[in-house]
Structure formats: structure tokens, C-alpha cells
Amino acid sequence: MPRHRRLTAAAAALAAISVLATACTGQSGAAAADDPNSEVTLTFWHGWSAPSETKAIEENIARFRKAHPNITVQVTGNMTDDKINQALRAGGDKAPDVVSSFTTDSVGKFCNSRAFADLNPFLQKSGIDKARVFPKTLLEYTQFDGNQCTLPLLNDAYGLVYNKTAFTAAGITEPPRTWSQFTEVAKKLTKPKGDTYEQVGLMPVFHGYETTPMRLAAQWSPTYFAPDGSSNLAKDPAFAKMLTAQKDLVDALGGYERLERFRATFGDEWSAEHPFHTGRVAMQIDGEWRAAMAEEAGVGFEVATAPLPVPDEQAADYGKGYLSGTVMGIASGSRKQNAAWELVKYMTTDTEAVVAFANAIHNVPSTLAALASPGLQVSPAFKTFLDIARHPKSSTTPARADGGTYQLTFTDLAYAVEKGAVTDIPAALAGADRQIDTDIAKAE
């Protein structure tokens, strides 16, 4: 299963990355001087920890070694961004050569601080046209200001996973496509029980696992920044519309306090006790992994998937969603960058490698060729997320010099709105814009 990308957890990592701006120097691209054909040992750090995930990494490395027998790869898993940043700051032989991170929100800082090498020269030397290899949205979250300091390593698409048995029992014949339909279905599937619930149609609050403001906002196709780089939250109506729609849904399902009390009783997100698995939540905003996890948990109902609903006025765009994923890069301080590039190139651009890895850990492939590969294992539930990944209007959150700090600011505002602490949404968004502009100016 993929790691959960909580912004609160990312905050510490983003702060740690900022000190790298003066600490990280090194060769990059055309300046890399090592011979990739000589005997060499690379250190590769990644964040996966589950046995099935680490096994998939080992299998990919074994395939790489067949093609590059001169390159030995020492792999260390379960590495957080904080641990990675500490090692990069310290430098020396203990620092990793190649890094994989789940925190795409860190990319702006990885690039801006030069913690990771710019991969554009390596791509050019290898004759790889990145625009022909990777989907456009994935390239957006793996580079910053022209510096392609990471490449995509698998992809996450977010949609709706739902209890089809509960739908049938309630007389609902198809998943909701628009926000008004979504609200009605969520209300119909909600079963109050005293001051709590037997079941909610959806847990709409922003602490509800994968229900983040950014993933909901994607359905409104927002523009986070103006052409001049300034924060655009107050000027783009999408943000106020999303916050209002979400708050209305929270109120329609019983209110923030009542929902929060119910949410506090939920089991762990990555266990069989997830509230969707136990039938306490009928619809779940989640990624491509959830349907497979529910079936592995032995749920007693039929699981189905669909794209997230869109605003009623954007009904023609139904099928889009929020995209994110894992990124992979080369440490700027590495003295083995040409050899490191061979590993990064293989894991991120080789179709067989990408497809095998995607199949093994139930993630969406991150190259155009892998998305179209006949070797990709596609169930009906998984196909939904492939279609979301391919949708021309699916989007992501843009990289910025302060990493994901601007998203934390937006998220804090969304928390305040949903609980009723903020009622003047336009004024609050304008205040958030000022804070975001200040934070980015400091980071730059």
C-alpha cells in the first residue's frame, strides 16, 4: 500500500529542507564525471516499508542489475524526508546517492535548494524527450522553475470508492456525477444513531483521511497562482466555491462536531478496521489502492469505484481528479551521478520496470507507455483511476520554492471554515494570499 501524504507530517520535512540551500553543492548533469561502466556501489533510499512493497523494490533492482552488472545497489527502505534531509546535510559516504520521496510537496524546495541534481542534462544526454515519456501533470509536480530535479516514480490518482451493496439497498443505481447529486446520495446513505451514526454516506471533514482541501479543489479546476507568481486563492472563484460546497455538505450530514465525534472512533487508515472496510462509511475519497485493500480485508459487500463528482456547472468535465505520486532524484552531493542516473532512468522510464512495479504495489503507472501497456494488470475498479490519470483536465498542486507551505496555509483556512470559525471566506482567502506571498518571498 502507498504511504499517506499528510501535510502535517510534511511540514517538518519542508522546514528541514530549507537549510539545504547553503549546504548542498555538487556536480550535475553534464558536469558529472564518474564512469557509469566502472564497478560502483550506489546507495538508494526509499520510503516503502510493507513486505510486498520492499519485495517489489528488490525485484526491480534485480532486473536493473541484470542490465548493469557493474552497478551494485544498496537499498534502505522506510526512510522519511526528515532522515533523508539529515543525511544530505551531513554529506559524506553515509549520504544516499539516489532518493525516492512520497512528499511531492517538497519538490519545490528540493529543486530550489539544489538538494537534488537537475536531471535535464541527463535526459538530454540519454536522448529522452520527457514530454513524450511522462504525462504533463506529472512533469508539473516533479520540477520547479525549469529545474527537473526529480522524475515521477508511479502515480496516484484520487477518486471515489463506494459500497455498491449499500447503494443498491438505498435504491441508488449509479455513482453521483455532480456535486448536487453527491450531496443527495451522501444524505441518503447516512444513518443517524442518537447523537452519532450507524453509517455516514461520506466523511466530508478535512481530517477524514484522504479528504484534503487540495483534492476536493481539483474538481473545480483551480489556479493557485497568477501569471506573476502571486497567490490566487481570493481571485479564483473556484476556492470559495469549493469551501462553501464542502461546508454545506458537512452541515447537511449532521454538522462538524457530530461528524468529528464519529470520526474519532475510526480504525487505522491502513488496517482492516478502516471505516470503509467495516461499512461505517459508504463512500470514501481515496486513491487507486483502496478498492484492493478493501477486498484484501474481506469486506462483506461489493466494492466499486468512480471519479469524484464535479461542480454542477462543470458536468462536462466529469472524470477528472487530483494527481500526485512518488518522485525520484539524485543527491547533488553524490560523486556517482552518472551511475545514479542509470538507476533513476531505469526505474522511471523503462516500461517493463514501471509496469512491474505498478502491478506489484497497485499504483498507477507514471509513463505514457506504461499506462498503455498490455502487461498492466487492470481490474474494473483500477481502470477508473487509470482513466482519471489520463483525463486532460486532471490536475495537481504546483511546485513552489516554499514546498507545500502554501498548501498548509490553505488547509488551515479550510479547517477553520468547515468548523464555522471563519464565515467571511473571501476575506480569509485574501489573508491567506498575503501569507502565502510572504512565505514564498522568504523562501526565494
Protein backbone atom coordinates (compact mmCIF):
# COMPACT_ATOMS: atom_id res chain seq x y z
CA MET A 1 0.00 0.00 0.00
CA PRO A 2 1.18 3.56 -0.61
CA ARG A 3 2.18 5.85 2.21
CA HIS A 4 -0.28 8.52 3.28
CA ARG A 5 0.86 12.00 2.39
CA ARG A 6 -0.34 14.05 5.33
CA LEU A 7 0.54 17.72 5.02
CA THR A 8 1.02 17.99 8.77
CA ALA A 9 3.74 15.35 8.58
CA ALA A 10 5.27 17.07 5.58
CA ALA A 11 5.63 20.36 7.42
CA ALA A 12 8.67 19.24 9.42
CA ALA A 13 10.31 17.83 6.32
CA LEU A 14 9.73 21.05 4.42
CA ALA A 15 11.31 23.07 7.22
CA ALA A 16 14.31 20.76 7.24
CA ILE A 17 14.82 21.07 3.51
CA SER A 18 15.17 24.84 3.77
CA VAL A 19 18.57 24.57 5.44
CA LEU A 20 19.91 22.69 2.44
CA ALA A 21 20.08 25.82 0.29
CA THR A 22 23.55 26.67 1.54
CA ALA A 23 24.60 23.15 2.48
CA CYS A 24 24.17 21.30 -0.80
CA THR A 25 26.59 21.65 -3.63
CA GLY A 26 27.68 19.15 -6.21
CA GLN A 27 28.02 18.24 -9.82
CA SER A 28 25.01 17.95 -12.06
CA GLY A 29 24.27 16.54 -15.46
CA ALA A 30 26.95 17.41 -17.96
CA ALA A 31 29.38 18.14 -15.09
CA ALA A 32 29.11 14.62 -13.65
CA ALA A 33 32.49 12.98 -14.14
CA ASP A 34 32.13 9.39 -12.93
CA ASP A 35 32.26 6.43 -15.34
CA PRO A 36 28.92 4.58 -15.18
CA ASN A 37 30.54 1.48 -16.73
CA SER A 38 33.03 1.01 -13.91
CA GLU A 39 32.41 -1.08 -10.81
CA VAL A 40 30.45 1.09 -8.41
CA THR A 41 28.12 0.80 -5.43
CA LEU A 42 25.12 3.13 -5.13
CA THR A 43 23.06 3.81 -2.04
CA PHE A 44 19.33 4.11 -2.72
CA TRP A 45 16.93 5.30 -0.02
CA HIS A 46 13.16 4.98 -0.32
CA GLY A 47 10.12 5.23 1.94
CA TRP A 48 8.33 1.93 1.33
CA SER A 49 8.22 -0.46 4.28
CA ALA A 50 5.49 -3.08 3.81
CA PRO A 51 6.87 -6.53 2.85
CA SER A 52 5.09 -6.53 -0.52
CA GLU A 53 6.49 -3.09 -1.32
CA THR A 54 10.08 -3.82 -0.34
CA LYS A 55 9.87 -7.09 -2.27
CA ALA A 56 8.75 -5.16 -5.36
CA ILE A 57 11.71 -2.78 -4.98
CA GLU A 58 14.12 -5.71 -4.64
CA GLU A 59 12.71 -7.33 -7.77
CA ASN A 60 13.11 -4.10 -9.73
CA ILE A 61 16.70 -3.73 -8.52
CA ALA A 62 17.42 -7.33 -9.52
CA ARG A 63 16.18 -6.62 -13.06
CA PHE A 64 18.33 -3.49 -13.15
CA ARG A 65 21.39 -5.46 -12.07
CA LYS A 66 20.98 -7.87 -14.99
CA ALA A 67 21.32 -4.94 -17.38
CA HIS A 68 24.02 -3.22 -15.30
CA PRO A 69 26.04 -5.93 -13.55
CA ASN A 70 28.78 -3.41 -12.70
CA ILE A 71 26.43 -1.34 -10.51
CA THR A 72 25.67 -2.67 -7.05
CA VAL A 73 22.72 -1.04 -5.29
CA GLN A 74 22.49 -0.92 -1.52
CA VAL A 75 18.83 -0.32 -0.70
CA THR A 76 17.45 1.16 2.51
CA GLY A 77 13.70 1.39 2.98
CA ASN A 78 11.33 3.15 5.39
CA MET A 79 13.27 6.41 5.03
CA THR A 80 11.38 9.62 5.76
CA ASP A 81 12.13 13.00 4.21
CA ASP A 82 13.47 14.11 7.58
CA LYS A 83 16.02 11.28 7.66
CA ILE A 84 16.96 11.98 4.04
CA ASN A 85 17.46 15.67 4.74
CA GLN A 86 19.66 14.97 7.75
CA ALA A 87 21.88 12.69 5.68
CA LEU A 88 22.11 15.16 2.80
CA ARG A 89 23.09 17.93 5.19
CA ALA A 90 25.79 15.76 6.75
CA GLY A 91 27.08 14.59 3.35
CA GLY A 92 29.94 12.13 3.08
CA ASP A 93 29.85 8.41 2.39
CA LYS A 94 26.74 7.87 4.54
CA ALA A 95 24.55 10.11 2.40
CA PRO A 96 22.38 8.45 -0.28
CA ASP A 97 23.16 8.73 -3.98
CA VAL A 98 19.58 8.15 -5.12
CA VAL A 99 16.44 9.09 -3.21
CA SER A 100 12.75 8.35 -3.59
CA SER A 101 10.24 10.53 -1.73
CA PHE A 102 6.48 10.32 -1.20
CA THR A 103 6.29 14.05 -0.47
CA THR A 104 5.71 15.67 -3.84
CA ASP A 105 5.04 18.90 -1.97
CA SER A 106 8.78 19.01 -1.18
CA VAL A 107 9.84 19.15 -4.82
CA GLY A 108 9.92 22.95 -4.99
CA LYS A 109 12.36 23.04 -2.10
CA PHE A 110 14.38 20.08 -3.36
CA CYS A 111 14.89 21.98 -6.61
CA ASN A 112 15.20 25.50 -5.19
CA SER A 113 17.79 24.46 -2.59
CA ARG A 114 19.73 22.35 -5.13
CA ALA A 115 19.49 19.41 -2.75
CA PHE A 116 18.84 17.23 -5.81
CA ALA A 117 20.67 17.45 -9.13
CA ASP A 118 18.92 18.87 -12.19
CA LEU A 119 18.08 15.88 -14.37
CA ASN A 120 17.57 17.86 -17.59
CA PRO A 121 21.22 17.37 -18.71
CA PHE A 122 20.97 13.63 -18.04
CA LEU A 123 17.73 13.38 -20.01
CA GLN A 124 19.33 15.25 -22.90
CA LYS A 125 22.46 13.06 -22.89
CA SER A 126 20.24 9.97 -22.98
CA GLY A 127 18.13 11.34 -25.82
CA ILE A 128 14.95 11.23 -23.73
CA ASP A 129 12.18 13.68 -24.58
CA LYS A 130 10.45 13.90 -21.21
CA ALA A 131 7.31 15.40 -22.74
CA ARG A 132 6.88 12.21 -24.79
CA VAL A 133 7.58 9.91 -21.84
CA PHE A 134 5.63 11.39 -18.92
CA PRO A 135 2.11 12.81 -18.62
CA LYS A 136 2.10 16.61 -18.48
CA THR A 137 0.66 16.83 -14.97
CA LEU A 138 3.36 14.57 -13.55
CA LEU A 139 6.06 16.75 -15.05
CA GLU A 140 4.45 19.74 -13.35
CA TYR A 141 4.91 18.33 -9.84
CA THR A 142 8.41 16.93 -10.42
CA GLN A 143 10.14 20.18 -11.46
CA PHE A 144 10.37 23.78 -10.36
CA ASP A 145 11.38 26.88 -12.29
CA GLY A 146 12.89 24.84 -15.12
CA ASN A 147 14.86 22.57 -12.80
CA GLN A 148 13.77 18.96 -13.32
CA CYS A 149 15.28 17.80 -10.05
CA THR A 150 13.03 14.73 -9.77
CA LEU A 151 11.15 12.35 -12.06
CA PRO A 152 7.86 10.53 -11.43
CA LEU A 153 8.04 7.03 -9.95
CA LEU A 154 4.47 5.74 -10.15
CA ASN A 155 1.41 7.90 -9.83
CA ASP A 156 -1.57 8.32 -7.50
CA ALA A 157 -4.99 9.33 -8.78
CA TYR A 158 -7.83 10.22 -6.44
CA GLY A 159 -11.44 9.29 -6.96
CA LEU A 160 -14.43 7.75 -5.21
CA VAL A 161 -14.52 4.23 -3.76
CA TYR A 162 -18.01 3.18 -2.73
CA ASN A 163 -20.10 0.41 -1.19
CA LYS A 164 -22.17 -0.74 -4.12
CA THR A 165 -24.25 -3.04 -1.92
CA ALA A 166 -25.28 -0.06 0.21
CA PHE A 167 -26.09 1.88 -2.96
CA THR A 168 -28.39 -0.91 -4.16
CA ALA A 169 -30.12 -1.19 -0.79
CA ALA A 170 -30.80 2.55 -0.88
CA GLY A 171 -32.14 2.39 -4.43
CA ILE A 172 -29.16 4.27 -5.89
CA THR A 173 -28.36 2.88 -9.32
CA GLU A 174 -25.18 4.80 -10.24
CA PRO A 175 -22.47 6.90 -8.61
CA PRO A 176 -23.05 10.67 -8.41
CA ARG A 177 -21.51 12.73 -11.18
CA THR A 178 -22.22 16.27 -9.95
CA TRP A 179 -21.82 17.88 -6.54
CA SER A 180 -25.57 18.28 -6.01
CA GLN A 181 -26.05 14.57 -6.75
CA PHE A 182 -23.15 13.79 -4.43
CA THR A 183 -24.80 15.68 -1.58
CA GLU A 184 -28.12 13.90 -2.08
CA VAL A 185 -26.51 10.45 -2.26
CA ALA A 186 -24.40 11.14 0.86
CA LYS A 187 -27.52 12.21 2.77
CA LYS A 188 -29.47 9.17 1.57
CA LEU A 189 -26.73 6.80 2.71
CA THR A 190 -26.32 8.40 6.14
CA LYS A 191 -27.94 6.54 9.06
CA PRO A 192 -28.03 8.60 12.28
CA LYS A 193 -27.95 6.77 15.62
CA GLY A 194 -28.68 9.03 18.57
CA ASP A 195 -26.03 11.76 18.62
CA THR A 196 -23.74 9.66 16.41
CA TYR A 197 -24.17 7.43 13.35
CA GLU A 198 -24.55 3.84 12.33
CA GLN A 199 -23.19 4.86 8.93
CA VAL A 200 -22.34 8.08 7.11
CA GLY A 201 -22.63 8.38 3.36
CA LEU A 202 -19.27 10.15 3.34
CA MET A 203 -16.89 11.54 5.96
CA PRO A 204 -16.54 15.03 4.44
CA VAL A 205 -14.34 16.72 7.06
CA PHE A 206 -10.77 17.51 6.09
CA HIS A 207 -9.29 15.34 8.84
CA GLY A 208 -11.06 12.39 7.23
CA TYR A 209 -8.01 10.56 5.87
CA GLU A 210 -7.62 11.38 2.16
CA THR A 211 -10.25 14.13 2.07
CA THR A 212 -7.90 17.10 1.75
CA PRO A 213 -8.79 20.60 0.51
CA MET A 214 -6.43 20.22 -2.45
CA ARG A 215 -8.05 17.01 -3.67
CA LEU A 216 -11.53 18.47 -3.47
CA ALA A 217 -10.43 21.76 -5.04
CA ALA A 218 -9.10 19.87 -8.07
CA GLN A 219 -12.71 19.15 -9.07
CA TRP A 220 -13.20 22.91 -9.54
CA SER A 221 -10.01 23.18 -11.72
CA PRO A 222 -8.43 25.94 -9.63
CA THR A 223 -5.50 28.20 -10.45
CA TYR A 224 -3.33 28.53 -7.34
CA PHE A 225 -1.03 31.23 -8.68
CA ALA A 226 -1.46 34.18 -11.04
CA PRO A 227 0.83 34.65 -14.06
CA ASP A 228 3.04 36.96 -12.00
CA GLY A 229 3.54 34.20 -9.39
CA SER A 230 1.34 35.74 -6.70
CA SER A 231 -1.14 33.64 -4.75
CA ASN A 232 -4.51 33.50 -6.47
CA LEU A 233 -6.87 32.00 -3.87
CA ALA A 234 -9.10 35.05 -3.46
CA LYS A 235 -9.24 35.93 -7.15
CA ASP A 236 -10.16 32.47 -8.47
CA PRO A 237 -13.80 31.74 -7.52
CA ALA A 238 -13.01 28.01 -7.50
CA PHE A 239 -11.59 28.12 -3.98
CA ALA A 240 -14.52 29.92 -2.36
CA LYS A 241 -16.97 27.68 -4.22
CA MET A 242 -15.24 24.51 -3.03
CA LEU A 243 -15.02 25.69 0.59
CA THR A 244 -18.69 26.67 0.56
CA ALA A 245 -19.79 23.39 -1.02
CA GLN A 246 -17.79 21.33 1.47
CA LYS A 247 -19.13 23.31 4.45
CA ASP A 248 -22.69 22.86 3.18
CA LEU A 249 -22.09 19.11 2.89
CA VAL A 250 -20.70 18.97 6.43
CA ASP A 251 -23.82 20.74 7.71
CA ALA A 252 -26.14 18.54 5.65
CA LEU A 253 -24.68 15.37 7.21
CA GLY A 254 -25.12 16.50 10.80
CA GLY A 255 -22.57 19.21 11.42
CA TYR A 256 -18.87 19.40 12.17
CA GLU A 257 -18.91 18.45 15.86
CA ARG A 258 -21.13 15.42 15.38
CA LEU A 259 -19.08 14.18 12.42
CA GLU A 260 -15.82 14.73 14.30
CA ARG A 261 -17.06 12.67 17.26
CA PHE A 262 -17.88 9.85 14.88
CA ARG A 263 -14.58 10.17 13.07
CA ALA A 264 -12.71 9.85 16.38
CA THR A 265 -13.98 6.26 16.62
CA PHE A 266 -12.50 5.18 13.28
CA GLY A 267 -9.88 2.48 12.92
CA ASP A 268 -6.43 2.96 11.40
CA GLU A 269 -6.41 4.06 7.77
CA TRP A 270 -4.07 1.27 6.70
CA SER A 271 -5.73 -1.56 8.63
CA ALA A 272 -8.71 -3.84 8.12
CA GLU A 273 -10.53 -1.55 10.60
CA HIS A 274 -10.71 1.34 8.13
CA PRO A 275 -14.31 2.68 8.41
CA PHE A 276 -14.99 1.98 4.75
CA HIS A 277 -13.97 -1.65 5.24
CA THR A 278 -16.27 -2.00 8.25
CA GLY A 279 -19.25 -0.42 6.49
CA ARG A 280 -19.35 2.67 8.69
CA VAL A 281 -18.62 4.91 5.70
CA ALA A 282 -20.40 4.19 2.41
CA MET A 283 -18.31 6.42 0.12
CA GLN A 284 -14.61 7.16 0.50
CA ILE A 285 -12.48 9.78 -1.25
CA ASP A 286 -9.30 7.79 -1.84
CA GLY A 287 -6.63 6.58 -4.20
CA GLU A 288 -6.34 3.60 -6.51
CA TRP A 289 -5.18 1.30 -3.70
CA ARG A 290 -8.33 1.43 -1.55
CA ALA A 291 -10.52 -0.99 -3.53
CA ALA A 292 -7.83 -3.67 -3.48
CA MET A 293 -7.20 -3.09 0.22
CA ALA A 294 -10.92 -3.41 0.98
CA GLU A 295 -11.12 -6.71 -0.86
CA GLU A 296 -7.98 -7.96 0.89
CA ALA A 297 -9.66 -7.04 4.19
CA GLY A 298 -12.51 -9.42 3.30
CA VAL A 299 -15.35 -6.90 3.25
CA GLY A 300 -18.84 -8.33 3.08
CA PHE A 301 -20.08 -6.04 0.32
CA GLU A 302 -19.39 -5.24 -3.33
CA VAL A 303 -16.78 -2.52 -3.87
CA ALA A 304 -16.95 -0.18 -6.85
CA THR A 305 -15.11 2.96 -7.96
CA ALA A 306 -15.87 6.16 -9.86
CA PRO A 307 -14.36 9.59 -10.44
CA LEU A 308 -15.13 12.24 -7.86
CA PRO A 309 -18.15 14.38 -8.69
CA VAL A 310 -17.61 17.78 -10.29
CA PRO A 311 -19.44 21.07 -9.73
CA ASP A 312 -22.77 21.12 -11.48
CA GLU A 313 -21.61 23.86 -13.84
CA GLN A 314 -18.64 21.68 -14.91
CA ALA A 315 -20.62 18.49 -15.56
CA ALA A 316 -18.92 18.06 -18.95
CA ASP A 317 -15.56 17.61 -17.18
CA TYR A 318 -16.68 14.60 -15.13
CA GLY A 319 -13.84 12.09 -14.94
CA LYS A 320 -11.07 14.42 -13.82
CA GLY A 321 -9.33 14.26 -10.47
CA TYR A 322 -6.31 15.13 -8.38
CA LEU A 323 -2.96 13.53 -9.26
CA SER A 324 0.11 13.06 -7.13
CA GLY A 325 2.77 10.39 -6.73
CA THR A 326 6.24 9.34 -5.70
CA VAL A 327 9.32 11.17 -7.00
CA MET A 328 12.90 10.04 -7.55
CA GLY A 329 16.08 12.09 -7.74
CA ILE A 330 19.86 12.15 -7.43
CA ALA A 331 21.58 13.82 -4.48
CA SER A 332 23.58 16.84 -5.62
CA GLY A 333 26.44 15.83 -3.35
CA SER A 334 26.81 12.38 -4.92
CA ARG A 335 30.07 11.70 -6.73
CA LYS A 336 28.43 8.86 -8.66
CA GLN A 337 25.80 10.79 -10.57
CA ASN A 338 26.23 9.12 -13.97
CA ALA A 339 25.84 5.68 -12.39
CA ALA A 340 22.98 7.01 -10.27
CA TRP A 341 21.30 8.27 -13.43
CA GLU A 342 21.34 4.75 -14.89
CA LEU A 343 19.28 3.58 -11.89
CA VAL A 344 16.90 6.55 -11.99
CA LYS A 345 16.48 6.23 -15.75
CA TYR A 346 15.69 2.53 -15.48
CA MET A 347 13.18 2.80 -12.64
CA THR A 348 11.35 5.84 -14.04
CA THR A 349 11.43 5.37 -17.83
CA ASP A 350 11.77 1.63 -18.55
CA THR A 351 8.28 0.43 -19.45
CA GLU A 352 8.76 -3.10 -18.14
CA ALA A 353 10.15 -1.83 -14.85
CA VAL A 354 7.38 0.73 -14.35
CA VAL A 355 4.61 -1.76 -15.20
CA ALA A 356 6.04 -4.48 -12.94
CA PHE A 357 6.32 -2.06 -10.04
CA ALA A 358 2.81 -0.67 -10.60
CA ASN A 359 1.35 -4.18 -10.71
CA ALA A 360 3.16 -5.17 -7.54
CA ILE A 361 2.00 -2.29 -5.33
CA HIS A 362 -1.31 -1.38 -7.03
CA ASN A 363 -0.30 2.14 -8.09
CA VAL A 364 -0.97 3.94 -11.37
CA PRO A 365 2.00 3.85 -13.80
CA SER A 366 3.86 7.10 -14.37
CA THR A 367 4.79 6.92 -18.07
CA LEU A 368 2.56 7.16 -21.11
CA ALA A 369 3.89 3.86 -22.46
CA ALA A 370 3.26 2.04 -19.18
CA LEU A 371 -0.28 3.41 -18.96
CA ALA A 372 -0.97 1.84 -22.37
CA SER A 373 0.98 -1.38 -21.77
CA PRO A 374 -0.84 -4.70 -22.27
CA GLY A 375 1.19 -6.01 -19.34
CA LEU A 376 -0.58 -3.71 -16.90
CA GLN A 377 -3.00 -5.59 -14.66
CA VAL A 378 -6.30 -3.74 -14.87
CA SER A 379 -9.37 -4.63 -12.85
CA PRO A 380 -12.61 -2.69 -13.36
CA ALA A 381 -12.02 -0.87 -10.05
CA PHE A 382 -8.45 0.04 -11.02
CA LYS A 383 -9.43 1.19 -14.53
CA THR A 384 -11.31 4.12 -13.01
CA PHE A 385 -8.06 5.55 -11.69
CA LEU A 386 -6.20 4.94 -14.93
CA ASP A 387 -8.89 6.94 -16.68
CA ILE A 388 -8.57 9.73 -14.10
CA ALA A 389 -4.80 9.76 -14.65
CA ARG A 390 -5.34 10.10 -18.41
CA HIS A 391 -8.07 12.76 -18.19
CA PRO A 392 -6.88 16.01 -19.82
CA LYS A 393 -8.33 18.13 -17.02
CA SER A 394 -6.93 16.15 -14.10
CA SER A 395 -4.58 18.40 -12.14
CA THR A 396 -2.10 18.67 -9.31
CA THR A 397 -0.78 21.31 -6.92
CA PRO A 398 2.10 23.31 -8.42
CA ALA A 399 5.63 23.26 -7.00
CA ARG A 400 6.82 26.38 -5.23
CA ALA A 401 10.05 27.49 -3.57
CA ASP A 402 8.50 27.01 -0.13
CA GLY A 403 7.45 23.48 -0.97
CA GLY A 404 3.97 22.75 0.35
CA THR A 405 3.81 25.57 2.89
CA TYR A 406 1.18 27.35 0.79
CA GLN A 407 -0.93 24.20 0.95
CA LEU A 408 -0.64 24.17 4.75
CA THR A 409 -1.90 27.76 4.80
CA PHE A 410 -4.85 26.84 2.60
CA THR A 411 -5.56 23.73 4.68
CA ASP A 412 -5.57 25.67 7.96
CA LEU A 413 -8.11 28.05 6.41
CA ALA A 414 -10.25 25.12 5.25
CA TYR A 415 -10.22 23.65 8.78
CA ALA A 416 -11.49 26.97 10.13
CA VAL A 417 -14.23 27.24 7.52
CA GLU A 418 -15.64 23.75 8.00
CA LYS A 419 -15.94 24.16 11.78
CA GLY A 420 -17.62 27.57 11.40
CA ALA A 421 -14.75 29.61 12.86
CA VAL A 422 -14.45 31.56 9.59
CA THR A 423 -17.57 32.84 7.84
CA ASP A 424 -16.17 35.58 5.59
CA ILE A 425 -14.49 33.25 3.10
CA PRO A 426 -13.39 35.91 0.56
CA ALA A 427 -11.65 37.96 3.26
CA ALA A 428 -10.00 34.84 4.70
CA LEU A 429 -8.75 33.82 1.26
CA ALA A 430 -7.28 37.29 0.73
CA GLY A 431 -5.47 36.96 4.05
CA ALA A 432 -4.17 33.55 3.03
CA ASP A 433 -2.88 35.06 -0.22
CA ARG A 434 -0.86 37.62 1.73
CA GLN A 435 0.61 34.94 3.98
CA ILE A 436 1.48 32.69 1.03
CA ASP A 437 3.17 35.53 -0.87
CA THR A 438 5.21 36.39 2.23
CA ASP A 439 6.28 32.77 2.79
CA ILE A 440 7.32 32.29 -0.82
CA ALA A 441 9.26 35.56 -0.86
CA LYS A 442 11.21 34.40 2.20
CA ALA A 443 11.92 31.02 0.61
CA GLU A 444 13.16 32.62 -2.60
